[in-house]
Amino acid sequence: MSTDANLAAQIEGRARALGEELEKRRWKVTAAESCTGGGIAAAITAVAGASQWFDGSVVSYANRIKRNLLSVSREDLDELGAVSEEVVRQMASGVLGLMDANVAVAVSGIAGPDGGSDEKPVGTVWIALAHSEGQEPVDIDARLFHFEGDRAQIQGQTIAEALDMMLALVREHPA
């Protein structure tokens, strides 16, 4: 099996496992995606029965969408850039506030082949998780990744890691 086929199988398996764990808890999940362009939502909705634990997500490729829909600070976008810890945390909090969900993931990165810099090379991705047991997020965690490969591989690795992070967070809470 090729590396790309392995990654696709991992994504499918993680999405299925995430759905099973969410269903046990009667929880819902959502996403705010930039560099993956809806890939996380596509992986989730590829699982039969996803409507039980997923209502929707936001693809916020443009900074205007990050500001207007997700309430990301214009100052942070201008000063730190979209690929930053502060912005991805705000994206996660913002999408959690929009959706009736317990867990939100947000991703922002540079999938390439262009757009990288010395400070933020291609493959730089921030992923944040927000968790809520009520109206306000209880916890927001963000992690920085440096993925390798072409655009599709970087996007695939980001999707797999986002699903894995959500699955780990959900499993931390009793069903």
N, C-alpha and C. Protein backbone atom coordinates (compact mmCIF):
# COMPACT_ATOMS: atom_id res chain seq x y z
N MET A 1 0.85 -1.18 0.00
CA MET A 1 0.00 0.00 0.00
C MET A 1 0.89 1.24 0.00
N SER A 2 0.56 2.22 -0.82
CA SER A 2 1.36 3.44 -0.91
C SER A 2 1.19 4.29 0.34
N THR A 3 2.10 5.25 0.51
CA THR A 3 2.02 6.16 1.65
C THR A 3 0.72 6.94 1.62
N ASP A 4 0.32 7.40 0.42
CA ASP A 4 -0.93 8.16 0.30
C ASP A 4 -2.13 7.29 0.65
N ALA A 5 -2.11 6.01 0.23
CA ALA A 5 -3.20 5.09 0.56
C ALA A 5 -3.22 4.81 2.06
N ASN A 6 -2.04 4.68 2.66
CA ASN A 6 -1.95 4.49 4.11
C ASN A 6 -2.57 5.67 4.85
N LEU A 7 -2.22 6.87 4.41
CA LEU A 7 -2.74 8.08 5.06
C LEU A 7 -4.25 8.15 4.90
N ALA A 8 -4.76 7.84 3.72
CA ALA A 8 -6.21 7.86 3.49
C ALA A 8 -6.91 6.85 4.39
N ALA A 9 -6.32 5.68 4.55
CA ALA A 9 -6.90 4.66 5.43
C ALA A 9 -6.86 5.11 6.89
N GLN A 10 -5.77 5.77 7.29
CA GLN A 10 -5.68 6.30 8.66
C GLN A 10 -6.76 7.34 8.91
N ILE A 11 -6.95 8.24 7.95
CA ILE A 11 -7.96 9.29 8.08
C ILE A 11 -9.34 8.66 8.21
N GLU A 12 -9.65 7.70 7.38
CA GLU A 12 -10.95 7.03 7.41
C GLU A 12 -11.16 6.33 8.76
N GLY A 13 -10.15 5.62 9.23
CA GLY A 13 -10.25 4.92 10.51
C GLY A 13 -10.41 5.87 11.69
N ARG A 14 -9.66 6.96 11.67
CA ARG A 14 -9.76 7.93 12.77
C ARG A 14 -11.11 8.62 12.78
N ALA A 15 -11.63 8.96 11.59
CA ALA A 15 -12.94 9.60 11.51
C ALA A 15 -14.03 8.66 12.03
N ARG A 16 -13.94 7.39 11.67
CA ARG A 16 -14.92 6.40 12.14
C ARG A 16 -14.83 6.25 13.66
N ALA A 17 -13.62 6.13 14.19
CA ALA A 17 -13.44 5.99 15.64
C ALA A 17 -13.93 7.23 16.37
N LEU A 18 -13.65 8.40 15.82
CA LEU A 18 -14.12 9.65 16.43
C LEU A 18 -15.63 9.65 16.50
N GLY A 19 -16.28 9.27 15.42
CA GLY A 19 -17.74 9.23 15.40
C GLY A 19 -18.30 8.29 16.46
N GLU A 20 -17.69 7.12 16.60
CA GLU A 20 -18.15 6.15 17.60
C GLU A 20 -18.02 6.72 19.01
N GLU A 21 -16.90 7.36 19.28
CA GLU A 21 -16.68 7.93 20.62
C GLU A 21 -17.62 9.10 20.89
N LEU A 22 -17.85 9.94 19.89
CA LEU A 22 -18.77 11.07 20.06
C LEU A 22 -20.18 10.57 20.31
N GLU A 23 -20.59 9.56 19.56
CA GLU A 23 -21.93 9.02 19.71
C GLU A 23 -22.16 8.45 21.11
N LYS A 24 -21.16 7.78 21.66
CA LYS A 24 -21.26 7.22 23.02
C LYS A 24 -21.56 8.32 24.04
N ARG A 25 -21.01 9.51 23.80
CA ARG A 25 -21.14 10.61 24.75
C ARG A 25 -22.27 11.57 24.38
N ARG A 26 -22.86 11.35 23.22
CA ARG A 26 -23.87 12.27 22.68
C ARG A 26 -23.29 13.68 22.51
N TRP A 27 -22.04 13.70 22.06
CA TRP A 27 -21.34 14.95 21.80
C TRP A 27 -21.35 15.25 20.31
N LYS A 28 -21.04 16.52 20.02
CA LYS A 28 -20.88 16.95 18.62
C LYS A 28 -19.53 17.62 18.45
N VAL A 29 -19.08 17.60 17.21
CA VAL A 29 -17.79 18.18 16.86
C VAL A 29 -17.98 19.14 15.70
N THR A 30 -17.09 20.12 15.60
CA THR A 30 -17.10 21.07 14.50
C THR A 30 -15.66 21.42 14.14
N ALA A 31 -15.49 22.17 13.06
CA ALA A 31 -14.15 22.53 12.61
C ALA A 31 -14.14 23.91 11.98
N ALA A 32 -12.99 24.58 12.11
CA ALA A 32 -12.69 25.81 11.37
C ALA A 32 -11.42 25.50 10.59
N GLU A 33 -11.53 25.46 9.28
CA GLU A 33 -10.42 25.01 8.45
C GLU A 33 -9.93 26.11 7.52
N SER A 34 -8.62 26.23 7.45
CA SER A 34 -8.01 27.12 6.48
C SER A 34 -7.24 26.27 5.47
N CYS A 35 -6.07 25.80 5.84
CA CYS A 35 -5.19 25.12 4.88
C CYS A 35 -5.73 23.78 4.38
N THR A 36 -6.68 23.19 5.08
CA THR A 36 -7.26 21.91 4.64
C THR A 36 -8.50 22.10 3.78
N GLY A 37 -9.01 23.30 3.70
CA GLY A 37 -10.09 23.63 2.78
C GLY A 37 -11.33 22.76 2.85
N GLY A 38 -11.67 22.28 4.02
CA GLY A 38 -12.86 21.45 4.17
C GLY A 38 -12.56 19.96 4.26
N GLY A 39 -11.30 19.60 4.24
CA GLY A 39 -10.90 18.19 4.28
C GLY A 39 -11.29 17.48 5.56
N ILE A 40 -11.26 18.20 6.68
CA ILE A 40 -11.66 17.59 7.95
C ILE A 40 -13.15 17.29 7.92
N ALA A 41 -13.93 18.24 7.47
CA ALA A 41 -15.38 18.04 7.36
C ALA A 41 -15.68 16.92 6.37
N ALA A 42 -14.94 16.84 5.29
CA ALA A 42 -15.16 15.77 4.31
C ALA A 42 -14.87 14.40 4.92
N ALA A 43 -13.81 14.30 5.71
CA ALA A 43 -13.47 13.03 6.36
C ALA A 43 -14.56 12.64 7.35
N ILE A 44 -15.05 13.61 8.09
CA ILE A 44 -16.09 13.34 9.09
C ILE A 44 -17.38 12.89 8.41
N THR A 45 -17.79 13.61 7.37
CA THR A 45 -19.07 13.31 6.73
C THR A 45 -19.00 12.09 5.81
N ALA A 46 -17.82 11.56 5.58
CA ALA A 46 -17.69 10.31 4.83
C ALA A 46 -18.14 9.12 5.66
N VAL A 47 -18.26 9.32 6.97
CA VAL A 47 -18.70 8.26 7.88
C VAL A 47 -20.23 8.26 7.94
N ALA A 48 -20.82 7.10 7.67
CA ALA A 48 -22.28 6.98 7.76
C ALA A 48 -22.74 7.32 9.18
N GLY A 49 -23.79 8.10 9.27
CA GLY A 49 -24.33 8.49 10.57
C GLY A 49 -23.71 9.75 11.15
N ALA A 50 -22.85 10.41 10.39
CA ALA A 50 -22.16 11.61 10.90
C ALA A 50 -23.12 12.71 11.32
N SER A 51 -24.32 12.71 10.79
CA SER A 51 -25.27 13.77 11.17
C SER A 51 -25.65 13.69 12.64
N GLN A 52 -25.36 12.56 13.29
CA GLN A 52 -25.62 12.42 14.72
C GLN A 52 -24.62 13.21 15.56
N TRP A 53 -23.46 13.49 15.02
CA TRP A 53 -22.40 14.12 15.80
C TRP A 53 -21.68 15.26 15.08
N PHE A 54 -22.23 15.69 13.94
CA PHE A 54 -21.61 16.79 13.18
C PHE A 54 -22.71 17.58 12.48
N ASP A 55 -22.80 18.89 12.80
CA ASP A 55 -23.79 19.75 12.16
C ASP A 55 -23.20 20.60 11.04
N GLY A 56 -21.92 20.94 11.15
CA GLY A 56 -21.31 21.79 10.14
C GLY A 56 -19.97 22.32 10.59
N SER A 57 -19.35 23.08 9.68
CA SER A 57 -18.04 23.66 9.95
C SER A 57 -17.89 24.93 9.12
N VAL A 58 -16.74 25.58 9.28
CA VAL A 58 -16.45 26.80 8.52
C VAL A 58 -15.11 26.62 7.81
N VAL A 59 -15.13 26.84 6.50
CA VAL A 59 -13.87 26.91 5.76
C VAL A 59 -13.53 28.39 5.69
N SER A 60 -12.49 28.76 6.39
CA SER A 60 -12.12 30.18 6.52
C SER A 60 -10.77 30.42 5.87
N TYR A 61 -10.74 30.25 4.57
CA TYR A 61 -9.49 30.39 3.83
C TYR A 61 -9.01 31.84 3.82
N ALA A 62 -9.95 32.76 3.69
CA ALA A 62 -9.61 34.19 3.65
C ALA A 62 -9.65 34.79 5.05
N ASN A 63 -8.75 35.73 5.31
CA ASN A 63 -8.72 36.40 6.61
C ASN A 63 -10.03 37.11 6.91
N ARG A 64 -10.70 37.62 5.90
CA ARG A 64 -11.98 38.30 6.07
C ARG A 64 -13.00 37.35 6.71
N ILE A 65 -12.98 36.08 6.30
CA ILE A 65 -13.90 35.09 6.87
C ILE A 65 -13.50 34.79 8.31
N LYS A 66 -12.21 34.70 8.55
CA LYS A 66 -11.74 34.47 9.93
C LYS A 66 -12.24 35.59 10.84
N ARG A 67 -12.15 36.84 10.36
CA ARG A 67 -12.60 37.98 11.17
C ARG A 67 -14.12 37.99 11.32
N ASN A 68 -14.83 37.90 10.19
CA ASN A 68 -16.28 38.12 10.20
C ASN A 68 -17.08 36.96 10.77
N LEU A 69 -16.69 35.73 10.53
CA LEU A 69 -17.46 34.58 11.02
C LEU A 69 -16.92 34.01 12.32
N LEU A 70 -15.60 34.07 12.50
CA LEU A 70 -14.99 33.41 13.64
C LEU A 70 -14.50 34.38 14.72
N SER A 71 -14.68 35.67 14.49
CA SER A 71 -14.29 36.71 15.45
C SER A 71 -12.80 36.73 15.76
N VAL A 72 -11.98 36.44 14.75
CA VAL A 72 -10.53 36.51 14.92
C VAL A 72 -10.12 37.99 14.85
N SER A 73 -9.24 38.37 15.73
CA SER A 73 -8.78 39.75 15.83
C SER A 73 -8.03 40.20 14.58
N ARG A 74 -8.44 41.35 14.04
CA ARG A 74 -7.75 41.93 12.89
C ARG A 74 -6.29 42.21 13.23
N GLU A 75 -6.06 42.69 14.44
CA GLU A 75 -4.70 43.02 14.87
C GLU A 75 -3.81 41.77 14.89
N ASP A 76 -4.33 40.67 15.41
CA ASP A 76 -3.54 39.43 15.43
C ASP A 76 -3.26 38.93 14.02
N LEU A 77 -4.26 39.03 13.15
CA LEU A 77 -4.05 38.61 11.76
C LEU A 77 -2.98 39.47 11.09
N ASP A 78 -3.06 40.80 11.32
CA ASP A 78 -2.10 41.71 10.71
C ASP A 78 -0.70 41.57 11.29
N GLU A 79 -0.61 41.42 12.61
CA GLU A 79 0.70 41.40 13.28
C GLU A 79 1.35 40.01 13.30
N LEU A 80 0.54 38.97 13.49
CA LEU A 80 1.08 37.62 13.66
C LEU A 80 0.89 36.74 12.44
N GLY A 81 -0.09 37.08 11.62
CA GLY A 81 -0.41 36.27 10.45
C GLY A 81 -1.42 35.19 10.78
N ALA A 82 -2.04 34.67 9.74
CA ALA A 82 -3.07 33.64 9.92
C ALA A 82 -2.49 32.35 10.49
N VAL A 83 -1.22 32.09 10.20
CA VAL A 83 -0.58 30.86 10.67
C VAL A 83 0.15 31.19 11.97
N SER A 84 -0.63 31.24 13.05
CA SER A 84 -0.08 31.58 14.36
C SER A 84 -0.94 30.95 15.44
N GLU A 85 -0.34 30.78 16.60
CA GLU A 85 -1.05 30.18 17.72
C GLU A 85 -2.27 31.00 18.11
N GLU A 86 -2.11 32.30 18.22
CA GLU A 86 -3.20 33.16 18.66
C GLU A 86 -4.39 33.08 17.72
N VAL A 87 -4.12 33.10 16.42
CA VAL A 87 -5.20 33.07 15.44
C VAL A 87 -5.92 31.73 15.46
N VAL A 88 -5.18 30.63 15.51
CA VAL A 88 -5.83 29.32 15.48
C VAL A 88 -6.64 29.08 16.76
N ARG A 89 -6.18 29.61 17.88
CA ARG A 89 -6.97 29.52 19.12
C ARG A 89 -8.29 30.28 18.97
N GLN A 90 -8.24 31.47 18.39
CA GLN A 90 -9.45 32.26 18.18
C GLN A 90 -10.39 31.59 17.18
N MET A 91 -9.82 30.94 16.17
CA MET A 91 -10.64 30.21 15.20
C MET A 91 -11.41 29.09 15.90
N ALA A 92 -10.72 28.34 16.76
CA ALA A 92 -11.37 27.23 17.48
C ALA A 92 -12.47 27.75 18.39
N SER A 93 -12.19 28.79 19.13
CA SER A 93 -13.18 29.38 20.02
C SER A 93 -14.35 29.94 19.22
N GLY A 94 -14.04 30.58 18.11
CA GLY A 94 -15.09 31.18 17.28
C GLY A 94 -16.04 30.16 16.68
N VAL A 95 -15.50 29.07 16.15
CA VAL A 95 -16.38 28.08 15.53
C VAL A 95 -17.17 27.32 16.60
N LEU A 96 -16.58 27.13 17.77
CA LEU A 96 -17.31 26.49 18.86
C LEU A 96 -18.51 27.36 19.26
N GLY A 97 -18.33 28.68 19.23
CA GLY A 97 -19.42 29.59 19.54
C GLY A 97 -20.51 29.61 18.48
N LEU A 98 -20.17 29.30 17.24
CA LEU A 98 -21.15 29.28 16.15
C LEU A 98 -21.99 28.01 16.12
N MET A 99 -21.38 26.91 16.51
CA MET A 99 -22.02 25.61 16.35
C MET A 99 -22.44 25.05 17.70
N ASP A 100 -23.39 24.16 17.68
CA ASP A 100 -23.83 23.46 18.89
C ASP A 100 -22.94 22.23 19.03
N ALA A 101 -21.71 22.45 19.50
CA ALA A 101 -20.73 21.36 19.57
C ALA A 101 -20.01 21.38 20.91
N ASN A 102 -19.44 20.24 21.25
CA ASN A 102 -18.64 20.10 22.47
C ASN A 102 -17.15 20.23 22.18
N VAL A 103 -16.76 19.90 20.95
CA VAL A 103 -15.35 19.92 20.56
C VAL A 103 -15.22 20.63 19.22
N ALA A 104 -14.24 21.52 19.15
CA ALA A 104 -13.94 22.20 17.89
C ALA A 104 -12.45 22.07 17.61
N VAL A 105 -12.13 21.86 16.36
CA VAL A 105 -10.75 21.87 15.92
C VAL A 105 -10.60 23.01 14.91
N ALA A 106 -9.44 23.65 14.94
CA ALA A 106 -9.13 24.69 13.97
C ALA A 106 -7.74 24.44 13.43
N VAL A 107 -7.59 24.63 12.12
CA VAL A 107 -6.29 24.44 11.49
C VAL A 107 -5.96 25.62 10.60
N SER A 108 -4.70 26.03 10.64
CA SER A 108 -4.20 27.08 9.77
C SER A 108 -2.73 26.78 9.49
N GLY A 109 -2.38 26.78 8.23
CA GLY A 109 -1.00 26.44 7.90
C GLY A 109 -0.64 26.80 6.49
N ILE A 110 0.56 26.40 6.11
CA ILE A 110 1.09 26.67 4.78
C ILE A 110 1.31 25.32 4.10
N ALA A 111 0.38 24.98 3.20
CA ALA A 111 0.43 23.69 2.53
C ALA A 111 1.33 23.71 1.30
N GLY A 112 1.67 24.89 0.80
CA GLY A 112 2.58 24.99 -0.33
C GLY A 112 1.89 24.82 -1.68
N PRO A 113 2.63 24.77 -2.74
CA PRO A 113 4.10 24.81 -2.74
C PRO A 113 4.68 26.19 -2.48
N ASP A 114 3.83 27.23 -2.59
CA ASP A 114 4.30 28.59 -2.34
C ASP A 114 3.78 29.07 -0.99
N GLY A 115 4.20 30.26 -0.60
CA GLY A 115 3.67 30.90 0.60
C GLY A 115 4.54 30.77 1.84
N GLY A 116 5.55 29.92 1.77
CA GLY A 116 6.41 29.76 2.94
C GLY A 116 7.43 30.87 3.06
N SER A 117 8.04 30.95 4.24
CA SER A 117 9.10 31.91 4.51
C SER A 117 10.11 31.23 5.41
N ASP A 118 11.20 31.93 5.73
CA ASP A 118 12.18 31.37 6.66
C ASP A 118 11.55 31.14 8.02
N GLU A 119 10.70 32.08 8.44
CA GLU A 119 10.05 31.99 9.74
C GLU A 119 8.95 30.93 9.76
N LYS A 120 8.21 30.82 8.65
CA LYS A 120 7.10 29.88 8.54
C LYS A 120 7.22 29.14 7.20
N PRO A 121 8.05 28.09 7.17
CA PRO A 121 8.24 27.36 5.92
C PRO A 121 7.00 26.54 5.53
N VAL A 122 6.93 26.14 4.28
CA VAL A 122 5.87 25.24 3.83
C VAL A 122 5.85 24.03 4.76
N GLY A 123 4.67 23.63 5.16
CA GLY A 123 4.52 22.52 6.10
C GLY A 123 4.25 22.96 7.52
N THR A 124 4.38 24.28 7.79
CA THR A 124 4.08 24.82 9.12
C THR A 124 2.57 24.84 9.30
N VAL A 125 2.09 24.19 10.35
CA VAL A 125 0.65 24.12 10.61
C VAL A 125 0.39 24.25 12.11
N TRP A 126 -0.56 25.10 12.44
CA TRP A 126 -1.06 25.19 13.81
C TRP A 126 -2.41 24.49 13.87
N ILE A 127 -2.60 23.68 14.91
CA ILE A 127 -3.89 23.02 15.15
C ILE A 127 -4.30 23.35 16.58
N ALA A 128 -5.55 23.80 16.73
CA ALA A 128 -6.09 24.10 18.06
C ALA A 128 -7.35 23.29 18.30
N LEU A 129 -7.54 22.91 19.54
CA LEU A 129 -8.76 22.23 19.99
C LEU A 129 -9.43 23.07 21.05
N ALA A 130 -10.72 23.26 20.93
CA ALA A 130 -11.50 23.90 21.97
C ALA A 130 -12.53 22.89 22.44
N HIS A 131 -12.71 22.83 23.75
CA HIS A 131 -13.66 21.88 24.34
C HIS A 131 -14.60 22.65 25.25
N SER A 132 -15.87 22.32 25.17
CA SER A 132 -16.86 23.00 25.99
C SER A 132 -17.86 22.01 26.55
N GLU A 133 -18.23 22.23 27.77
CA GLU A 133 -19.31 21.45 28.35
C GLU A 133 -20.48 22.37 28.66
N GLY A 134 -20.47 23.54 28.05
CA GLY A 134 -21.53 24.52 28.22
C GLY A 134 -21.38 25.55 27.13
N GLN A 135 -21.64 26.80 27.46
CA GLN A 135 -21.55 27.86 26.47
C GLN A 135 -20.12 28.31 26.17
N GLU A 136 -19.30 28.37 27.20
CA GLU A 136 -17.94 28.88 27.02
C GLU A 136 -16.95 27.73 26.90
N PRO A 137 -15.91 27.91 26.08
CA PRO A 137 -14.89 26.86 26.02
C PRO A 137 -14.25 26.65 27.40
N VAL A 138 -14.12 25.40 27.78
CA VAL A 138 -13.49 25.06 29.04
C VAL A 138 -11.97 25.08 28.86
N ASP A 139 -11.54 24.67 27.67
CA ASP A 139 -10.12 24.49 27.44
C ASP A 139 -9.82 24.71 25.97
N ILE A 140 -8.73 25.41 25.68
CA ILE A 140 -8.24 25.54 24.31
C ILE A 140 -6.76 25.19 24.32
N ASP A 141 -6.39 24.24 23.49
CA ASP A 141 -5.02 23.79 23.39
C ASP A 141 -4.57 23.96 21.94
N ALA A 142 -3.36 24.44 21.74
CA ALA A 142 -2.84 24.62 20.37
C ALA A 142 -1.46 23.99 20.27
N ARG A 143 -1.21 23.38 19.12
CA ARG A 143 0.09 22.75 18.88
C ARG A 143 0.60 23.10 17.50
N LEU A 144 1.91 23.24 17.41
CA LEU A 144 2.59 23.56 16.16
C LEU A 144 3.16 22.29 15.55
N PHE A 145 2.97 22.14 14.24
CA PHE A 145 3.49 20.99 13.50
C PHE A 145 4.31 21.47 12.30
N HIS A 146 5.25 20.63 11.91
CA HIS A 146 6.03 20.87 10.68
C HIS A 146 5.94 19.60 9.85
N PHE A 147 4.98 19.59 8.92
CA PHE A 147 4.76 18.44 8.06
C PHE A 147 5.61 18.55 6.81
N GLU A 148 5.86 17.41 6.19
CA GLU A 148 6.67 17.38 4.96
C GLU A 148 5.88 16.74 3.84
N GLY A 149 6.27 17.08 2.61
CA GLY A 149 5.63 16.50 1.44
C GLY A 149 5.08 17.58 0.54
N ASP A 150 4.29 17.14 -0.44
CA ASP A 150 3.66 18.09 -1.33
C ASP A 150 2.38 18.63 -0.68
N ARG A 151 1.67 19.48 -1.39
CA ARG A 151 0.48 20.13 -0.85
C ARG A 151 -0.54 19.10 -0.33
N ALA A 152 -0.85 18.10 -1.14
CA ALA A 152 -1.85 17.10 -0.75
C ALA A 152 -1.38 16.31 0.47
N GLN A 153 -0.10 16.00 0.54
CA GLN A 153 0.43 15.25 1.68
C GLN A 153 0.38 16.08 2.97
N ILE A 154 0.71 17.36 2.86
CA ILE A 154 0.65 18.24 4.03
C ILE A 154 -0.80 18.38 4.50
N GLN A 155 -1.72 18.54 3.56
CA GLN A 155 -3.13 18.63 3.93
C GLN A 155 -3.60 17.32 4.57
N GLY A 156 -3.22 16.20 4.00
CA GLY A 156 -3.61 14.90 4.54
C GLY A 156 -3.06 14.67 5.94
N GLN A 157 -1.80 15.03 6.15
CA GLN A 157 -1.21 14.88 7.49
C GLN A 157 -1.91 15.79 8.50
N THR A 158 -2.29 16.97 8.06
CA THR A 158 -3.00 17.91 8.94
C THR A 158 -4.36 17.34 9.33
N ILE A 159 -5.08 16.82 8.35
CA ILE A 159 -6.40 16.23 8.61
C ILE A 159 -6.27 15.06 9.59
N ALA A 160 -5.29 14.17 9.34
CA ALA A 160 -5.09 13.01 10.21
C ALA A 160 -4.76 13.44 11.63
N GLU A 161 -3.88 14.41 11.77
CA GLU A 161 -3.49 14.87 13.11
C GLU A 161 -4.66 15.54 13.82
N ALA A 162 -5.44 16.33 13.09
CA ALA A 162 -6.60 17.00 13.70
C ALA A 162 -7.60 15.97 14.21
N LEU A 163 -7.87 14.94 13.40
CA LEU A 163 -8.79 13.88 13.84
C LEU A 163 -8.23 13.13 15.05
N ASP A 164 -6.93 12.87 15.02
CA ASP A 164 -6.28 12.17 16.13
C ASP A 164 -6.36 12.99 17.42
N MET A 165 -6.13 14.29 17.32
CA MET A 165 -6.21 15.15 18.49
C MET A 165 -7.63 15.20 19.05
N MET A 166 -8.63 15.29 18.15
CA MET A 166 -10.02 15.30 18.62
C MET A 166 -10.36 13.98 19.29
N LEU A 167 -9.94 12.88 18.68
CA LEU A 167 -10.23 11.56 19.23
C LEU A 167 -9.62 11.41 20.62
N ALA A 168 -8.37 11.84 20.78
CA ALA A 168 -7.70 11.75 22.10
C ALA A 168 -8.44 12.59 23.14
N LEU A 169 -8.86 13.80 22.77
CA LEU A 169 -9.57 14.66 23.71
C LEU A 169 -10.90 14.03 24.12
N VAL A 170 -11.64 13.50 23.16
CA VAL A 170 -12.93 12.90 23.47
C VAL A 170 -12.74 11.69 24.38
N ARG A 171 -11.75 10.88 24.12
CA ARG A 171 -11.51 9.68 24.92
C ARG A 171 -11.08 10.00 26.36
N GLU A 172 -10.61 11.22 26.60
CA GLU A 172 -10.25 11.63 27.96
C GLU A 172 -11.46 11.79 28.87
N HIS A 173 -12.65 11.88 28.26
CA HIS A 173 -13.88 12.12 29.02
C HIS A 173 -14.72 10.84 29.03
N PRO A 174 -15.20 10.44 30.18
CA PRO A 174 -15.99 9.20 30.27
C PRO A 174 -17.24 9.24 29.40
N ALA A 175 -17.56 8.08 28.86
CA ALA A 175 -18.77 7.98 28.01
C ALA A 175 -20.00 7.88 28.88
